Amino acid sequence: MDRDVTRRNRRTLVILAVLPVAMVGLAYASVPLYDLFCRVTGFAGTPGVAEAPSRIVAEREMTVRFDSSVNPALPWRFAPAQPPMTVRVGETAMAFYRAENTGDRATVGTATFNVTPLKAAQYVDKIDCFCFTEQRLAAGESADMGVSFYVDPAIMEDSNLDEVKTITLSYTFFPKYGTDGGAEADGDDAPRQAAQWREGGN
């Protein structure tokens, strides 16, 4: 009897010891899984990612607005480089945002994004975007950063979106995780990871 009790106690201790480790592992795993879930479903206003342009271009038109913001910890100015545009559903469009590092040292930022109205997010597909990679700007440097996207023709089959005529594409830049305001360590000469978007700068 005592042996059975001891065995059960040991089993309980093992479970209690393993449980926190498993919970931490799930917490780390939940981040990419949540991101994948959002990209696939459009949850929380997250647009999808497309490997190629749409094969169908419809007559229905959408007005696409562009919004921007910057986390106060990142010393950048960041704003849309063009006014709202009108695109046909399924038509590939290209839009640019202008970013400038107003600080006195090189900094690296990463952009989060969403679409409003939230219910339309699953029908906005990005082919390429500056938000897919980290962006590095030297002190005083500016750059045009582009996003290539289209509104999925499947939106026309969703009666819940018949009244939607305007979509807003929003981006927020944050300093690279684990850095002091996005600042690189001394001597770090990290290359820009999306140089194809750059059209000018210092």
N, C-alpha and C. Protein backbone atom coordinates (compact mmCIF):
# COMPACT_ATOMS: atom_id res chain seq x y z
N MET A 1 0.82 -1.19 0.00
CA MET A 1 0.00 0.00 0.00
C MET A 1 0.86 1.26 0.00
N ASP A 2 1.85 1.27 0.92
CA ASP A 2 2.75 2.42 0.97
C ASP A 2 3.50 2.59 -0.34
N ARG A 3 3.84 1.44 -0.97
CA ARG A 3 4.57 1.51 -2.24
C ARG A 3 3.71 2.15 -3.33
N ASP A 4 2.40 1.81 -3.33
CA ASP A 4 1.50 2.40 -4.33
C ASP A 4 1.35 3.90 -4.12
N VAL A 5 1.26 4.30 -2.86
CA VAL A 5 1.13 5.72 -2.55
C VAL A 5 2.38 6.47 -2.99
N THR A 6 3.55 5.86 -2.73
CA THR A 6 4.81 6.48 -3.13
C THR A 6 4.90 6.62 -4.63
N ARG A 7 4.44 5.58 -5.35
CA ARG A 7 4.48 5.62 -6.81
C ARG A 7 3.57 6.74 -7.35
N ARG A 8 2.37 6.86 -6.76
CA ARG A 8 1.44 7.90 -7.20
C ARG A 8 2.00 9.29 -6.91
N ASN A 9 2.64 9.41 -5.74
CA ASN A 9 3.23 10.70 -5.39
C ASN A 9 4.34 11.10 -6.36
N ARG A 10 5.16 10.11 -6.74
CA ARG A 10 6.23 10.38 -7.70
C ARG A 10 5.65 10.80 -9.05
N ARG A 11 4.59 10.10 -9.46
CA ARG A 11 3.97 10.42 -10.74
C ARG A 11 3.40 11.84 -10.72
N THR A 12 2.78 12.20 -9.60
CA THR A 12 2.23 13.55 -9.46
C THR A 12 3.33 14.61 -9.52
N LEU A 13 4.45 14.33 -8.85
CA LEU A 13 5.57 15.27 -8.86
C LEU A 13 6.14 15.45 -10.26
N VAL A 14 6.24 14.34 -11.01
CA VAL A 14 6.74 14.42 -12.39
C VAL A 14 5.81 15.27 -13.25
N ILE A 15 4.50 15.04 -13.09
CA ILE A 15 3.53 15.81 -13.87
C ILE A 15 3.62 17.29 -13.52
N LEU A 16 3.73 17.58 -12.22
CA LEU A 16 3.83 18.98 -11.80
C LEU A 16 5.10 19.64 -12.29
N ALA A 17 6.18 18.85 -12.42
CA ALA A 17 7.44 19.40 -12.89
C ALA A 17 7.41 19.64 -14.40
N VAL A 18 6.74 18.76 -15.13
CA VAL A 18 6.68 18.86 -16.58
C VAL A 18 5.68 19.93 -17.04
N LEU A 19 4.62 20.12 -16.28
CA LEU A 19 3.55 21.02 -16.69
C LEU A 19 4.02 22.44 -16.96
N PRO A 20 4.81 23.06 -16.07
CA PRO A 20 5.27 24.44 -16.38
C PRO A 20 6.10 24.52 -17.65
N VAL A 21 6.95 23.50 -17.87
CA VAL A 21 7.77 23.48 -19.08
C VAL A 21 6.89 23.39 -20.32
N ALA A 22 5.88 22.53 -20.24
CA ALA A 22 4.96 22.38 -21.37
C ALA A 22 4.19 23.66 -21.63
N MET A 23 3.79 24.35 -20.56
CA MET A 23 3.04 25.60 -20.72
C MET A 23 3.89 26.68 -21.37
N VAL A 24 5.16 26.74 -20.96
CA VAL A 24 6.07 27.71 -21.58
C VAL A 24 6.25 27.40 -23.06
N GLY A 25 6.42 26.12 -23.37
CA GLY A 25 6.57 25.71 -24.77
C GLY A 25 5.35 26.08 -25.60
N LEU A 26 4.16 25.87 -25.04
CA LEU A 26 2.94 26.22 -25.75
C LEU A 26 2.81 27.73 -25.94
N ALA A 27 3.27 28.47 -24.93
CA ALA A 27 3.22 29.93 -25.05
C ALA A 27 4.08 30.41 -26.21
N TYR A 28 5.29 29.85 -26.34
CA TYR A 28 6.16 30.23 -27.46
C TYR A 28 5.58 29.77 -28.78
N ALA A 29 5.04 28.56 -28.79
CA ALA A 29 4.49 28.01 -30.04
C ALA A 29 3.24 28.77 -30.46
N SER A 30 2.50 29.32 -29.49
CA SER A 30 1.24 29.97 -29.81
C SER A 30 1.42 31.23 -30.65
N VAL A 31 2.59 31.87 -30.53
CA VAL A 31 2.81 33.10 -31.29
C VAL A 31 2.80 32.84 -32.79
N PRO A 32 3.66 31.92 -33.32
CA PRO A 32 3.58 31.67 -34.76
C PRO A 32 2.28 31.02 -35.18
N LEU A 33 1.70 30.18 -34.31
CA LEU A 33 0.44 29.54 -34.65
C LEU A 33 -0.68 30.57 -34.74
N TYR A 34 -0.67 31.52 -33.81
CA TYR A 34 -1.68 32.59 -33.85
C TYR A 34 -1.51 33.44 -35.09
N ASP A 35 -0.25 33.74 -35.43
CA ASP A 35 0.04 34.53 -36.62
C ASP A 35 -0.45 33.81 -37.87
N LEU A 36 -0.18 32.49 -37.94
CA LEU A 36 -0.64 31.69 -39.08
C LEU A 36 -2.16 31.68 -39.16
N PHE A 37 -2.79 31.50 -38.00
CA PHE A 37 -4.25 31.49 -37.95
C PHE A 37 -4.83 32.81 -38.47
N CYS A 38 -4.24 33.92 -38.04
CA CYS A 38 -4.72 35.24 -38.46
C CYS A 38 -4.55 35.43 -39.96
N ARG A 39 -3.41 34.98 -40.50
CA ARG A 39 -3.16 35.14 -41.93
C ARG A 39 -4.12 34.33 -42.77
N VAL A 40 -4.46 33.13 -42.29
CA VAL A 40 -5.33 32.24 -43.06
C VAL A 40 -6.78 32.69 -43.00
N THR A 41 -7.22 33.14 -41.80
CA THR A 41 -8.62 33.45 -41.61
C THR A 41 -8.96 34.93 -41.72
N GLY A 42 -7.94 35.80 -41.66
CA GLY A 42 -8.23 37.23 -41.64
C GLY A 42 -8.64 37.72 -40.27
N PHE A 43 -8.49 36.85 -39.25
CA PHE A 43 -8.86 37.22 -37.89
C PHE A 43 -8.06 38.44 -37.43
N ALA A 44 -8.72 39.32 -36.65
CA ALA A 44 -8.10 40.53 -36.10
C ALA A 44 -7.62 41.48 -37.21
N GLY A 45 -8.25 41.38 -38.38
CA GLY A 45 -7.92 42.30 -39.46
C GLY A 45 -6.63 41.99 -40.17
N THR A 46 -6.14 40.76 -40.07
CA THR A 46 -4.88 40.40 -40.71
C THR A 46 -5.10 39.97 -42.15
N PRO A 47 -4.51 40.66 -43.13
CA PRO A 47 -4.68 40.26 -44.53
C PRO A 47 -3.90 38.99 -44.84
N GLY A 48 -4.24 38.35 -45.96
CA GLY A 48 -3.55 37.13 -46.35
C GLY A 48 -2.31 37.43 -47.18
N VAL A 49 -1.60 36.36 -47.52
CA VAL A 49 -0.41 36.46 -48.34
C VAL A 49 -0.61 35.59 -49.58
N ALA A 50 -0.39 36.17 -50.75
CA ALA A 50 -0.58 35.45 -52.01
C ALA A 50 0.77 35.24 -52.69
N GLU A 51 0.90 34.13 -53.39
CA GLU A 51 2.14 33.83 -54.10
C GLU A 51 2.16 34.42 -55.51
N ALA A 52 0.99 34.78 -56.02
CA ALA A 52 0.92 35.31 -57.39
C ALA A 52 -0.30 36.21 -57.51
N PRO A 53 -0.32 37.06 -58.55
CA PRO A 53 -1.49 37.92 -58.77
C PRO A 53 -2.75 37.11 -59.03
N SER A 54 -3.89 37.77 -58.88
CA SER A 54 -5.17 37.12 -59.15
C SER A 54 -5.32 36.89 -60.65
N ARG A 55 -5.95 35.79 -61.02
CA ARG A 55 -6.20 35.51 -62.43
C ARG A 55 -7.46 36.19 -62.93
N ILE A 56 -8.25 36.70 -61.99
CA ILE A 56 -9.52 37.34 -62.33
C ILE A 56 -9.50 38.81 -61.93
N VAL A 57 -9.88 39.68 -62.84
CA VAL A 57 -10.03 41.09 -62.53
C VAL A 57 -11.48 41.46 -62.86
N ALA A 58 -12.22 41.89 -61.84
CA ALA A 58 -13.64 42.18 -61.99
C ALA A 58 -13.89 43.66 -62.25
N GLU A 59 -15.14 44.00 -62.51
CA GLU A 59 -15.51 45.39 -62.75
C GLU A 59 -15.73 46.16 -61.44
N ARG A 60 -16.04 45.44 -60.38
CA ARG A 60 -16.30 46.10 -59.10
C ARG A 60 -15.06 46.84 -58.61
N GLU A 61 -15.26 48.05 -58.12
CA GLU A 61 -14.14 48.87 -57.66
C GLU A 61 -14.17 49.05 -56.14
N MET A 62 -12.98 49.23 -55.60
CA MET A 62 -12.80 49.47 -54.17
C MET A 62 -11.89 50.68 -53.99
N THR A 63 -12.20 51.51 -53.00
CA THR A 63 -11.29 52.58 -52.61
C THR A 63 -10.41 52.05 -51.48
N VAL A 64 -9.12 52.16 -51.65
CA VAL A 64 -8.18 51.69 -50.63
C VAL A 64 -7.49 52.89 -50.00
N ARG A 65 -7.65 53.03 -48.70
CA ARG A 65 -7.00 54.09 -47.95
C ARG A 65 -5.79 53.52 -47.22
N PHE A 66 -4.89 54.40 -46.86
CA PHE A 66 -3.64 53.96 -46.21
C PHE A 66 -3.43 54.74 -44.91
N ASP A 67 -3.10 53.98 -43.87
CA ASP A 67 -2.92 54.57 -42.55
C ASP A 67 -1.57 54.15 -41.99
N SER A 68 -1.00 54.95 -41.10
CA SER A 68 0.32 54.63 -40.56
C SER A 68 0.47 55.17 -39.15
N SER A 69 1.33 54.53 -38.39
CA SER A 69 1.69 55.01 -37.05
C SER A 69 3.04 54.40 -36.69
N VAL A 70 3.68 54.99 -35.68
CA VAL A 70 4.99 54.53 -35.23
C VAL A 70 4.99 54.44 -33.71
N ASN A 71 5.50 53.35 -33.20
CA ASN A 71 5.66 53.23 -31.76
C ASN A 71 6.61 54.31 -31.27
N PRO A 72 6.29 54.98 -30.16
CA PRO A 72 7.12 56.10 -29.67
C PRO A 72 8.58 55.73 -29.42
N ALA A 73 8.86 54.44 -29.21
CA ALA A 73 10.24 54.03 -28.93
C ALA A 73 11.12 54.03 -30.17
N LEU A 74 10.50 54.08 -31.36
CA LEU A 74 11.27 54.06 -32.61
C LEU A 74 11.33 55.47 -33.18
N PRO A 75 12.53 56.04 -33.36
CA PRO A 75 12.66 57.43 -33.81
C PRO A 75 12.50 57.57 -35.33
N TRP A 76 11.33 57.21 -35.82
CA TRP A 76 11.07 57.29 -37.26
C TRP A 76 9.85 58.17 -37.53
N ARG A 77 9.85 58.76 -38.73
CA ARG A 77 8.64 59.32 -39.32
C ARG A 77 8.18 58.33 -40.37
N PHE A 78 6.89 58.08 -40.43
CA PHE A 78 6.38 57.03 -41.32
C PHE A 78 4.98 57.42 -41.76
N ALA A 79 4.77 57.51 -43.08
CA ALA A 79 3.48 57.96 -43.59
C ALA A 79 3.25 57.44 -45.01
N PRO A 80 1.99 57.33 -45.44
CA PRO A 80 1.70 56.92 -46.81
C PRO A 80 2.30 57.92 -47.80
N ALA A 81 2.80 57.41 -48.92
CA ALA A 81 3.41 58.27 -49.94
C ALA A 81 2.43 58.66 -51.03
N GLN A 82 1.18 58.18 -50.93
CA GLN A 82 0.18 58.54 -51.93
C GLN A 82 -1.20 58.62 -51.28
N PRO A 83 -2.13 59.31 -51.92
CA PRO A 83 -3.49 59.41 -51.39
C PRO A 83 -4.23 58.10 -51.61
N PRO A 84 -5.47 58.00 -51.13
CA PRO A 84 -6.27 56.80 -51.39
C PRO A 84 -6.34 56.50 -52.88
N MET A 85 -6.41 55.23 -53.22
CA MET A 85 -6.49 54.83 -54.63
C MET A 85 -7.73 53.97 -54.87
N THR A 86 -8.20 54.02 -56.10
CA THR A 86 -9.33 53.18 -56.50
C THR A 86 -8.80 52.03 -57.34
N VAL A 87 -9.14 50.80 -56.95
CA VAL A 87 -8.66 49.62 -57.67
C VAL A 87 -9.85 48.72 -57.99
N ARG A 88 -9.70 47.96 -59.04
CA ARG A 88 -10.71 46.96 -59.37
C ARG A 88 -10.43 45.69 -58.57
N VAL A 89 -11.48 44.99 -58.22
CA VAL A 89 -11.32 43.73 -57.49
C VAL A 89 -10.52 42.75 -58.34
N GLY A 90 -9.46 42.21 -57.77
CA GLY A 90 -8.59 41.28 -58.49
C GLY A 90 -7.41 41.96 -59.16
N GLU A 91 -7.42 43.28 -59.23
CA GLU A 91 -6.34 44.03 -59.87
C GLU A 91 -5.15 44.19 -58.90
N THR A 92 -3.96 43.89 -59.37
CA THR A 92 -2.76 44.07 -58.55
C THR A 92 -2.41 45.54 -58.47
N ALA A 93 -2.26 46.04 -57.26
CA ALA A 93 -1.94 47.45 -57.05
C ALA A 93 -0.64 47.56 -56.26
N MET A 94 0.00 48.70 -56.40
CA MET A 94 1.27 48.96 -55.70
C MET A 94 1.14 50.28 -54.95
N ALA A 95 1.45 50.23 -53.66
CA ALA A 95 1.40 51.44 -52.85
C ALA A 95 2.72 51.59 -52.10
N PHE A 96 3.07 52.83 -51.77
CA PHE A 96 4.32 53.10 -51.07
C PHE A 96 4.08 53.89 -49.79
N TYR A 97 4.92 53.60 -48.83
CA TYR A 97 5.00 54.38 -47.59
C TYR A 97 6.41 54.97 -47.51
N ARG A 98 6.49 56.15 -46.93
CA ARG A 98 7.78 56.82 -46.78
C ARG A 98 8.21 56.77 -45.31
N ALA A 99 9.42 56.27 -45.07
CA ALA A 99 9.96 56.18 -43.71
C ALA A 99 11.25 56.97 -43.62
N GLU A 100 11.43 57.63 -42.49
CA GLU A 100 12.65 58.40 -42.26
C GLU A 100 13.12 58.19 -40.82
N ASN A 101 14.40 57.87 -40.67
CA ASN A 101 15.00 57.74 -39.35
C ASN A 101 15.43 59.13 -38.87
N THR A 102 14.74 59.65 -37.86
CA THR A 102 15.06 60.98 -37.35
C THR A 102 16.06 60.93 -36.21
N GLY A 103 16.53 59.73 -35.87
CA GLY A 103 17.48 59.59 -34.78
C GLY A 103 18.92 59.82 -35.22
N ASP A 104 19.84 59.64 -34.28
CA ASP A 104 21.26 59.88 -34.56
C ASP A 104 22.06 58.60 -34.69
N ARG A 105 21.36 57.47 -34.85
CA ARG A 105 22.05 56.19 -35.04
C ARG A 105 21.17 55.27 -35.87
N ALA A 106 21.77 54.25 -36.45
CA ALA A 106 21.02 53.29 -37.26
C ALA A 106 20.02 52.54 -36.39
N THR A 107 18.83 52.35 -36.93
CA THR A 107 17.80 51.62 -36.20
C THR A 107 17.10 50.64 -37.12
N VAL A 108 16.53 49.61 -36.51
CA VAL A 108 15.83 48.56 -37.26
C VAL A 108 14.40 48.48 -36.75
N GLY A 109 13.46 48.50 -37.69
CA GLY A 109 12.05 48.43 -37.31
C GLY A 109 11.35 47.26 -37.97
N THR A 110 10.27 46.84 -37.38
CA THR A 110 9.40 45.82 -37.96
C THR A 110 7.98 46.35 -37.95
N ALA A 111 7.23 46.04 -39.00
CA ALA A 111 5.88 46.59 -39.14
C ALA A 111 4.82 45.52 -38.92
N THR A 112 3.81 45.87 -38.14
CA THR A 112 2.61 45.05 -38.04
C THR A 112 1.56 45.67 -38.96
N PHE A 113 0.53 44.91 -39.30
CA PHE A 113 -0.44 45.42 -40.26
C PHE A 113 -1.82 44.85 -40.00
N ASN A 114 -2.82 45.60 -40.41
CA ASN A 114 -4.18 45.08 -40.37
C ASN A 114 -5.05 45.81 -41.38
N VAL A 115 -6.23 45.29 -41.56
CA VAL A 115 -7.18 45.84 -42.54
C VAL A 115 -8.50 46.14 -41.83
N THR A 116 -9.09 47.26 -42.15
CA THR A 116 -10.45 47.55 -41.70
C THR A 116 -11.31 47.89 -42.92
N PRO A 117 -12.59 47.51 -42.89
CA PRO A 117 -13.25 46.78 -41.81
C PRO A 117 -12.67 45.37 -41.64
N LEU A 118 -12.70 44.89 -40.40
CA LEU A 118 -12.07 43.61 -40.09
C LEU A 118 -12.62 42.47 -40.93
N LYS A 119 -13.90 42.52 -41.24
CA LYS A 119 -14.51 41.42 -41.98
C LYS A 119 -14.01 41.34 -43.42
N ALA A 120 -13.35 42.40 -43.90
CA ALA A 120 -12.82 42.39 -45.26
C ALA A 120 -11.38 41.90 -45.32
N ALA A 121 -10.75 41.74 -44.17
CA ALA A 121 -9.31 41.43 -44.14
C ALA A 121 -8.97 40.15 -44.89
N GLN A 122 -9.81 39.13 -44.77
CA GLN A 122 -9.50 37.85 -45.41
C GLN A 122 -9.50 37.93 -46.93
N TYR A 123 -10.01 39.04 -47.48
CA TYR A 123 -10.05 39.20 -48.93
C TYR A 123 -8.99 40.16 -49.46
N VAL A 124 -8.09 40.59 -48.61
CA VAL A 124 -6.97 41.42 -49.05
C VAL A 124 -5.71 40.56 -49.04
N ASP A 125 -5.14 40.34 -50.20
CA ASP A 125 -3.97 39.46 -50.33
C ASP A 125 -2.74 40.27 -50.73
N LYS A 126 -1.67 40.10 -49.98
CA LYS A 126 -0.41 40.77 -50.28
C LYS A 126 0.50 39.83 -51.05
N ILE A 127 1.07 40.34 -52.14
CA ILE A 127 2.02 39.55 -52.92
C ILE A 127 3.43 39.80 -52.40
N ASP A 128 3.72 41.03 -52.07
CA ASP A 128 5.02 41.39 -51.49
C ASP A 128 4.82 42.61 -50.61
N CYS A 129 5.65 42.74 -49.58
CA CYS A 129 5.46 43.84 -48.65
C CYS A 129 6.70 44.08 -47.80
N PHE A 130 6.97 45.33 -47.51
CA PHE A 130 8.08 45.69 -46.62
C PHE A 130 7.87 45.10 -45.23
N CYS A 131 6.60 44.80 -44.91
CA CYS A 131 6.30 44.26 -43.58
C CYS A 131 6.72 42.80 -43.43
N PHE A 132 7.14 42.15 -44.52
CA PHE A 132 7.56 40.76 -44.44
C PHE A 132 8.95 40.62 -43.82
N THR A 133 9.73 41.69 -43.80
CA THR A 133 11.10 41.63 -43.28
C THR A 133 11.38 42.83 -42.39
N GLU A 134 12.46 42.76 -41.63
CA GLU A 134 12.90 43.90 -40.84
C GLU A 134 13.43 44.98 -41.79
N GLN A 135 13.30 46.23 -41.37
CA GLN A 135 13.76 47.35 -42.17
C GLN A 135 14.81 48.14 -41.38
N ARG A 136 15.95 48.42 -42.02
CA ARG A 136 17.03 49.15 -41.36
C ARG A 136 17.22 50.50 -42.03
N LEU A 137 17.30 51.54 -41.22
CA LEU A 137 17.57 52.88 -41.72
C LEU A 137 18.73 53.47 -40.93
N ALA A 138 19.71 54.00 -41.66
CA ALA A 138 20.82 54.69 -41.01
C ALA A 138 20.31 56.02 -40.45
N ALA A 139 21.10 56.64 -39.61
CA ALA A 139 20.72 57.93 -39.04
C ALA A 139 20.44 58.93 -40.15
N GLY A 140 19.27 59.55 -40.14
CA GLY A 140 18.90 60.54 -41.14
C GLY A 140 18.47 59.95 -42.47
N GLU A 141 18.51 58.65 -42.63
CA GLU A 141 18.15 58.02 -43.91
C GLU A 141 16.64 57.94 -44.08
N SER A 142 16.19 58.03 -45.31
CA SER A 142 14.78 57.84 -45.64
C SER A 142 14.66 56.86 -46.78
N ALA A 143 13.50 56.24 -46.89
CA ALA A 143 13.29 55.23 -47.94
C ALA A 143 11.82 55.08 -48.24
N ASP A 144 11.50 54.76 -49.48
CA ASP A 144 10.15 54.41 -49.88
C ASP A 144 10.01 52.90 -49.76
N MET A 145 8.97 52.46 -49.06
CA MET A 145 8.75 51.03 -48.83
C MET A 145 7.42 50.65 -49.45
N GLY A 146 7.43 49.62 -50.27
CA GLY A 146 6.24 49.28 -51.05
C GLY A 146 5.50 48.05 -50.60
N VAL A 147 4.24 48.01 -50.98
CA VAL A 147 3.39 46.85 -50.75
C VAL A 147 2.59 46.59 -52.03
N SER A 148 2.64 45.34 -52.48
CA SER A 148 1.91 44.92 -53.67
C SER A 148 0.75 44.03 -53.20
N PHE A 149 -0.46 44.34 -53.63
CA PHE A 149 -1.63 43.65 -53.09
C PHE A 149 -2.77 43.63 -54.10
N TYR A 150 -3.80 42.85 -53.79
CA TYR A 150 -5.05 42.90 -54.55
C TYR A 150 -6.20 42.47 -53.65
N VAL A 151 -7.40 42.87 -54.03
CA VAL A 151 -8.61 42.45 -53.33
C VAL A 151 -9.12 41.19 -54.01
N ASP A 152 -9.22 40.12 -53.25
CA ASP A 152 -9.61 38.82 -53.79
C ASP A 152 -11.02 38.88 -54.38
N PRO A 153 -11.19 38.40 -55.63
CA PRO A 153 -12.52 38.38 -56.24
C PRO A 153 -13.56 37.59 -55.43
N ALA A 154 -13.10 36.73 -54.53
CA ALA A 154 -14.03 35.97 -53.70
C ALA A 154 -14.89 36.88 -52.83
N ILE A 155 -14.46 38.13 -52.66
CA ILE A 155 -15.23 39.07 -51.85
C ILE A 155 -16.62 39.30 -52.45
N MET A 156 -16.75 39.12 -53.77
CA MET A 156 -18.03 39.36 -54.44
C MET A 156 -19.04 38.25 -54.15
N GLU A 157 -18.56 37.13 -53.61
CA GLU A 157 -19.45 36.02 -53.27
C GLU A 157 -19.91 36.09 -51.82
N ASP A 158 -19.38 37.07 -51.08
CA ASP A 158 -19.73 37.22 -49.67
C ASP A 158 -20.74 38.36 -49.54
N SER A 159 -22.02 38.00 -49.38
CA SER A 159 -23.08 39.00 -49.30
C SER A 159 -22.93 39.91 -48.09
N ASN A 160 -22.19 39.46 -47.10
CA ASN A 160 -21.96 40.26 -45.89
C ASN A 160 -21.08 41.48 -46.18
N LEU A 161 -20.45 41.48 -47.37
CA LEU A 161 -19.54 42.57 -47.72
C LEU A 161 -20.04 43.37 -48.94
N ASP A 162 -21.29 43.17 -49.29
CA ASP A 162 -21.84 43.89 -50.46
C ASP A 162 -21.76 45.40 -50.30
N GLU A 163 -21.90 45.87 -49.05
CA GLU A 163 -21.92 47.32 -48.83
C GLU A 163 -20.53 47.93 -48.67
N VAL A 164 -19.51 47.08 -48.60
CA VAL A 164 -18.15 47.59 -48.39
C VAL A 164 -17.60 48.16 -49.68
N LYS A 165 -17.26 49.43 -49.64
CA LYS A 165 -16.70 50.10 -50.81
C LYS A 165 -15.32 50.70 -50.53
N THR A 166 -14.97 50.76 -49.24
CA THR A 166 -13.69 51.33 -48.84
C THR A 166 -12.97 50.40 -47.86
N ILE A 167 -11.69 50.18 -48.11
CA ILE A 167 -10.85 49.35 -47.26
C ILE A 167 -9.65 50.19 -46.81
N THR A 168 -9.28 50.06 -45.56
CA THR A 168 -8.11 50.78 -45.05
C THR A 168 -7.00 49.81 -44.69
N LEU A 169 -5.85 50.06 -45.25
CA LEU A 169 -4.66 49.23 -45.00
C LEU A 169 -3.77 49.99 -44.02
N SER A 170 -3.56 49.44 -42.83
CA SER A 170 -2.84 50.14 -41.77
C SER A 170 -1.55 49.42 -41.39
N TYR A 171 -0.52 50.22 -41.11
CA TYR A 171 0.77 49.69 -40.66
C TYR A 171 1.26 50.46 -39.44
N THR A 172 1.87 49.74 -38.53
CA THR A 172 2.52 50.35 -37.38
C THR A 172 3.93 49.81 -37.26
N PHE A 173 4.91 50.71 -37.21
CA PHE A 173 6.31 50.29 -37.06
C PHE A 173 6.70 50.28 -35.58
N PHE A 174 7.40 49.20 -35.20
CA PHE A 174 7.93 49.03 -33.86
C PHE A 174 9.44 48.84 -33.96
N PRO A 175 10.18 49.17 -32.88
CA PRO A 175 11.61 48.86 -32.88
C PRO A 175 11.80 47.35 -32.89
N LYS A 176 12.86 46.89 -33.50
CA LYS A 176 13.17 45.47 -33.52
C LYS A 176 13.20 44.92 -32.10
N TYR A 177 12.55 43.78 -31.90
CA TYR A 177 12.47 43.18 -30.57
C TYR A 177 13.86 42.91 -30.00
N GLY A 178 14.06 43.25 -28.75
CA GLY A 178 15.33 42.97 -28.09
C GLY A 178 16.37 44.06 -28.27
N THR A 179 15.98 45.19 -28.90
CA THR A 179 16.93 46.29 -29.10
C THR A 179 16.48 47.50 -28.30
N ASP A 180 17.36 48.44 -28.13
CA ASP A 180 17.06 49.69 -27.46
C ASP A 180 16.52 50.68 -28.49
N GLY A 181 15.20 50.72 -28.61
CA GLY A 181 14.60 51.60 -29.61
C GLY A 181 14.97 51.26 -31.03
N GLY A 182 15.27 49.99 -31.29
CA GLY A 182 15.64 49.55 -32.63
C GLY A 182 17.10 49.77 -32.96
N ALA A 183 17.87 50.35 -32.02
CA ALA A 183 19.27 50.67 -32.30
C ALA A 183 20.12 49.41 -32.43
N GLU A 184 21.02 49.43 -33.40
CA GLU A 184 21.94 48.32 -33.58
C GLU A 184 23.10 48.43 -32.60
N ALA A 185 23.69 47.28 -32.30
CA ALA A 185 24.88 47.29 -31.45
C ALA A 185 26.03 47.95 -32.19
N ASP A 186 26.95 48.55 -31.44
CA ASP A 186 28.12 49.19 -32.06
C ASP A 186 28.87 48.21 -32.93
N GLY A 187 29.22 48.66 -34.12
CA GLY A 187 29.99 47.81 -35.03
C GLY A 187 29.13 46.90 -35.88
N ASP A 188 27.82 46.90 -35.64
CA ASP A 188 26.92 46.04 -36.41
C ASP A 188 26.63 46.71 -37.74
N ASP A 189 27.04 46.08 -38.81
CA ASP A 189 26.85 46.65 -40.13
C ASP A 189 25.82 45.83 -40.89
N ALA A 190 24.69 45.56 -40.24
CA ALA A 190 23.67 44.70 -40.84
C ALA A 190 23.14 45.34 -42.11
N PRO A 191 23.01 44.57 -43.18
CA PRO A 191 22.50 45.12 -44.44
C PRO A 191 21.00 45.33 -44.38
N ARG A 192 20.50 46.21 -45.19
CA ARG A 192 19.06 46.38 -45.32
C ARG A 192 18.49 45.09 -45.92
N GLN A 193 17.35 44.65 -45.38
CA GLN A 193 16.78 43.39 -45.83
C GLN A 193 15.71 43.57 -46.88
N ALA A 194 15.40 44.79 -47.25
CA ALA A 194 14.41 44.96 -48.31
C ALA A 194 14.83 46.13 -49.20
N ALA A 195 16.05 46.09 -49.69
CA ALA A 195 16.62 47.20 -50.43
C ALA A 195 15.87 47.46 -51.74
N GLN A 196 15.14 46.45 -52.23
CA GLN A 196 14.44 46.65 -53.49
C GLN A 196 13.37 47.70 -53.38
N TRP A 197 12.95 48.02 -52.14
CA TRP A 197 11.92 49.02 -51.99
C TRP A 197 12.49 50.43 -51.94
N ARG A 198 13.77 50.55 -51.75
CA ARG A 198 14.35 51.87 -51.54
C ARG A 198 14.49 52.64 -52.85
N GLU A 199 14.00 53.84 -52.86
CA GLU A 199 14.09 54.67 -54.06
C GLU A 199 14.99 55.88 -53.83
N GLY A 200 15.30 56.14 -52.61
CA GLY A 200 16.15 57.29 -52.33
C GLY A 200 16.54 57.31 -50.88
N GLY A 201 17.33 58.27 -50.48
CA GLY A 201 17.76 58.40 -49.09
C GLY A 201 19.15 58.98 -49.05
N ASN A 202 19.65 59.15 -47.79
CA ASN A 202 20.96 59.75 -47.62
C ASN A 202 22.05 58.70 -47.73
